Each structure stands twice: as structure tokens, then as C-alpha cells.
C-alpha atoms as a PDB file:
ATOM      1  CA  MET A   1      26.617  46.527-143.457  1.00  0.00           C
ATOM      2  CA  PHE A   2      23.502  44.550-142.836  1.00  0.00           C
ATOM      3  CA  ASP A   3      23.662  41.200-141.129  1.00  0.00           C
ATOM      4  CA  PHE A   4      20.846  39.009-142.380  1.00  0.00           C
ATOM      5  CA  SER A   5      22.079  35.793-140.808  1.00  0.00           C
ATOM      6  CA  LEU A   6      19.764  33.788-138.606  1.00  0.00           C
ATOM      7  CA  ASN A   7      20.719  33.699-134.965  1.00  0.00           C
ATOM      8  CA  ILE A   8      19.552  30.157-134.387  1.00  0.00           C
ATOM      9  CA  ILE A   9      21.576  27.987-132.046  1.00  0.00           C
ATOM     10  CA  GLY A  10      21.463  24.523-130.498  1.00  0.00           C
ATOM     11  CA  ASN A  11      18.312  22.443-130.663  1.00  0.00           C
ATOM     12  CA  ASP A  12      16.503  24.898-132.909  1.00  0.00           C
ATOM     13  CA  TRP A  13      18.464  23.549-135.893  1.00  0.00           C
ATOM     14  CA  ILE A  14      17.336  20.026-135.089  1.00  0.00           C
ATOM     15  CA  MET A  15      13.696  21.092-135.093  1.00  0.00           C
ATOM     16  CA  ILE A  16      14.166  22.930-138.396  1.00  0.00           C
ATOM     17  CA  ALA A  17      15.805  19.841-139.928  1.00  0.00           C
ATOM     18  CA  ILE A  18      12.963  17.569-138.743  1.00  0.00           C
ATOM     19  CA  VAL A  19      10.317  19.890-140.152  1.00  0.00           C
ATOM     20  CA  ALA A  20      12.232  20.152-143.447  1.00  0.00           C
ATOM     21  CA  LEU A  21      12.512  16.355-143.685  1.00  0.00           C
ATOM     22  CA  ALA A  22       8.815  15.950-142.961  1.00  0.00           C
ATOM     23  CA  LEU A  23       7.975  18.434-145.708  1.00  0.00           C
ATOM     24  CA  LEU A  24      10.358  16.853-148.226  1.00  0.00           C
ATOM     25  CA  LEU A  25       9.679  13.185-147.547  1.00  0.00           C
ATOM     26  CA  GLY A  26       6.144  13.236-146.267  1.00  0.00           C
ATOM     27  CA  THR A  27       4.957  11.755-143.028  1.00  0.00           C
ATOM     28  CA  LYS A  28       4.555   8.244-144.497  1.00  0.00           C
ATOM     29  CA  ARG A  29       8.201   7.821-145.584  1.00  0.00           C
ATOM     30  CA  LEU A  30       9.778   9.542-142.561  1.00  0.00           C
ATOM     31  CA  PRO A  31       9.626   6.496-140.209  1.00  0.00           C
ATOM     32  CA  ASP A  32      11.313   4.288-142.829  1.00  0.00           C
ATOM     33  CA  ILE A  33      14.073   6.832-143.352  1.00  0.00           C
ATOM     34  CA  THR A  34      14.688   7.201-139.608  1.00  0.00           C
ATOM     35  CA  ARG A  35      14.906   3.395-139.241  1.00  0.00           C
ATOM     36  CA  LYS A  36      17.478   3.242-142.033  1.00  0.00           C
ATOM     37  CA  ILE A  37      19.484   6.045-140.437  1.00  0.00           C
ATOM     38  CA  ALA A  38      19.373   4.237-137.091  1.00  0.00           C
ATOM     39  CA  LYS A  39      20.617   1.010-138.722  1.00  0.00           C
ATOM     40  CA  VAL A  40      23.469   2.847-140.413  1.00  0.00           C
ATOM     41  CA  THR A  41      24.571   4.534-137.177  1.00  0.00           C
ATOM     42  CA  ALA A  42      24.347   1.237-135.270  1.00  0.00           C
ATOM     43  CA  GLN A  43      26.499  -0.489-137.905  1.00  0.00           C
ATOM     44  CA  TYR A  44      28.991   2.392-137.750  1.00  0.00           C
ATOM     45  CA  ASP A  45      29.252   2.086-133.950  1.00  0.00           C
ATOM     46  CA  LYS A  46      29.655  -1.682-134.174  1.00  0.00           C
ATOM     47  CA  THR A  47      32.413  -1.380-136.781  1.00  0.00           C
ATOM     48  CA  LYS A  48      34.164   1.382-134.818  1.00  0.00           C
ATOM     49  CA  ASN A  49      34.183  -0.780-131.682  1.00  0.00           C
ATOM     50  CA  MET A  50      35.519  -3.757-133.640  1.00  0.00           C
ATOM     51  CA  VAL A  51      38.355  -1.687-135.060  1.00  0.00           C
ATOM     52  CA  GLN A  52      39.244  -0.315-131.614  1.00  0.00           C
ATOM     53  CA  GLU A  53      39.314  -3.852-130.177  1.00  0.00           C
ATOM     54  CA  GLU A  54      41.600  -5.022-132.983  1.00  0.00           C
ATOM     55  CA  ILE A  55      43.937  -2.105-132.338  1.00  0.00           C
ATOM     56  CA  GLN A  56      44.043  -3.002-128.636  1.00  0.00           C
ATOM     57  CA  LYS A  57      44.812  -6.647-129.501  1.00  0.00           C
ATOM     58  CA  ALA A  58      47.558  -5.628-131.927  1.00  0.00           C
ATOM     59  CA  LYS A  59      49.075  -3.307-129.371  1.00  0.00           C
ATOM     60  CA  GLY A  60      49.463  -6.267-127.046  1.00  0.00           C
ATOM     61  CA  GLU A  61      51.428  -5.855-123.862  1.00  0.00           C
ATOM     62  CA  PHE A  62      52.981  -2.550-124.848  1.00  0.00           C
ATOM     63  CA  ASN A  63      51.341   0.481-123.275  1.00  0.00           C
ATOM     64  CA  LEU A  64      52.280   3.275-125.651  1.00  0.00           C
ATOM     65  CA  ASN A  65      50.414   6.262-124.250  1.00  0.00           C
ATOM     66  CA  VAL A  66      51.788   9.563-125.459  1.00  0.00           C
ATOM     67  CA  SER A  67      50.019  12.541-123.974  1.00  0.00           C
ATOM     68  CA  GLY A  68      51.388  15.128-126.360  1.00  0.00           C
ATOM     69  CA  PRO A  69      54.071  15.901-128.890  1.00  0.00           C
ATOM     70  CA  VAL A  70      57.669  15.357-127.891  1.00  0.00           C
ATOM     71  CA  MET A  71      60.301  17.799-129.008  1.00  0.00           C
ATOM     72  CA  THR A  72      63.650  16.068-128.679  1.00  0.00           C
ATOM     73  CA  GLU A  73      65.052  12.663-129.436  1.00  0.00           C
ATOM     74  CA  ARG A  74      65.742  12.162-125.727  1.00  0.00           C
ATOM     75  CA  GLN A  75      62.072  12.798-124.876  1.00  0.00           C
ATOM     76  CA  LYS A  76      61.035  10.261-127.505  1.00  0.00           C
ATOM     77  CA  LEU A  77      63.402   7.684-126.050  1.00  0.00           C
ATOM     78  CA  GLU A  78      62.262   8.352-122.485  1.00  0.00           C
ATOM     79  CA  THR A  79      58.584   8.120-123.456  1.00  0.00           C
ATOM     80  CA  LEU A  80      59.137   4.863-125.303  1.00  0.00           C
ATOM     81  CA  ALA A  81      61.270   3.430-122.508  1.00  0.00           C
ATOM     82  CA  LYS A  82      58.694   4.414-119.885  1.00  0.00           C
ATOM     83  CA  SER A  83      55.889   2.749-121.857  1.00  0.00           C
ATOM     84  CA  LEU A  84      57.965  -0.444-122.048  1.00  0.00           C
ATOM     85  CA  GLY A  85      58.744  -0.412-118.332  1.00  0.00           C
ATOM     86  CA  ILE A  86      62.383   0.625-118.688  1.00  0.00           C
ATOM     87  CA  SER A  87      63.857   3.146-116.264  1.00  0.00           C
ATOM     88  CA  ALA A  88      65.574   6.025-118.072  1.00  0.00           C
ATOM     89  CA  ASP A  89      67.520   7.211-115.022  1.00  0.00           C
ATOM     90  CA  ASN A  90      71.304   7.562-115.476  1.00  0.00           C
ATOM     91  CA  LYS A  91      71.282   6.074-118.969  1.00  0.00           C
ATOM     92  CA  THR A  92      72.667   7.557-122.144  1.00  0.00           C
ATOM     93  CA  ASP A  93      70.672   7.797-125.348  1.00  0.00           C
ATOM     94  CA  ASP A  94      72.543   4.822-126.792  1.00  0.00           C
ATOM     95  CA  ASP A  95      71.857   2.738-123.681  1.00  0.00           C
ATOM     96  CA  LEU A  96      68.149   3.550-123.913  1.00  0.00           C
ATOM     97  CA  ARG A  97      68.066   2.717-127.623  1.00  0.00           C
ATOM     98  CA  ASN A  98      69.705  -0.640-126.976  1.00  0.00           C
ATOM     99  CA  LEU A  99      67.365  -1.476-124.102  1.00  0.00           C
ATOM    100  CA  VAL A 100      64.292  -0.500-126.122  1.00  0.00           C
ATOM    101  CA  ASN A 101      65.467  -2.563-129.090  1.00  0.00           C
ATOM    102  CA  LEU A 102      66.103  -5.553-126.844  1.00  0.00           C
ATOM    103  CA  LYS A 103      62.695  -5.195-125.188  1.00  0.00           C
ATOM    104  CA  LEU A 104      60.918  -4.920-128.530  1.00  0.00           C
ATOM    105  CA  ALA A 105      62.855  -7.907-129.884  1.00  0.00           C
ATOM    106  CA  GLY A 106      61.676  -9.939-126.885  1.00  0.00           C
ATOM    107  CA  THR A 107      65.044 -10.663-125.326  1.00  0.00           C
ATOM    108  CA  THR A 108      65.539 -10.670-121.601  1.00  0.00           C
ATOM    109  CA  LYS A 109      68.160  -9.112-119.354  1.00  0.00           C
ATOM    110  CA  SER A 110      70.020 -12.435-119.069  1.00  0.00           C
ATOM    111  CA  ASP A 111      70.172 -12.651-122.879  1.00  0.00           C
ATOM    112  CA  GLN A 112      71.595  -9.138-122.960  1.00  0.00           C
ATOM    113  CA  ASP A 113      74.220  -9.936-120.308  1.00  0.00           C
ATOM    114  CA  SER A 114      75.329 -13.084-122.101  1.00  0.00           C
ATOM    115  CA  ALA A 115      75.551 -11.182-125.399  1.00  0.00           C
ATOM    116  CA  SER A 116      77.643  -8.418-123.843  1.00  0.00           C
ATOM    117  CA  LYS A 117      80.116 -10.966-122.343  1.00  0.00           C
ATOM    118  CA  GLN A 118      80.848 -12.521-125.744  1.00  0.00           C
END
């Protein structure tokens, strides 16, 4: 029936939080607390960047960018083949699987041709 909620949006909440912190902690402890919070956020950003760099290093030469969910096995194969630089035109699913496996294993086209002749 009655809506007693506060209609406060945006930066107003930040001001309320600052005033509440000043009242709870006092003006003498507030600078120390803000410094500690700044150190924690800086360490978080530094760690996040380190983790992202390690992921990029581990990913190596493969560019596996998937823009959204794929629905079928064929779409998965085509996305993977495209990210590995393999053309999916006029190839069956089995051909794509074999080419992807060979590419991931690090073999070359000449290795594949010599293996197929034997």
C-alpha cells in the first residue's frame, strides 16, 4: 500500500556512505581507512592484470575468440578451425576434426601428407 522506500539514485548514495563512515570512524581515522582501501584496490588491479597476462601467455599463438554460444557440433568445429587458421570450406566434420587435431598437435601439412601415404 504505502511505499516508504527512499528514491535516492546515483551519487547520492556515495555521499550518504561517506557521511556514515565519517560518523562511525571519526574524522581522524578516515584518512587511514581510505589509504588502506586504496592499497587493497591497487593490489587487486595489479593481481588481476598479472592473471590476465598469464592467461594470454598460456593461450600462446592460438586465437580462440568465441563471440557467443554455438549450438551445433559443426559450429563448434568451424569456430575452432577458424581460430586456428584452418578453412572450413568443403570439408566434412571428420576432416575438420583431423585438421584441428593435427594443428593442435603441432604437425604440419607435409607431416599429414606423409602419414596419409603410409
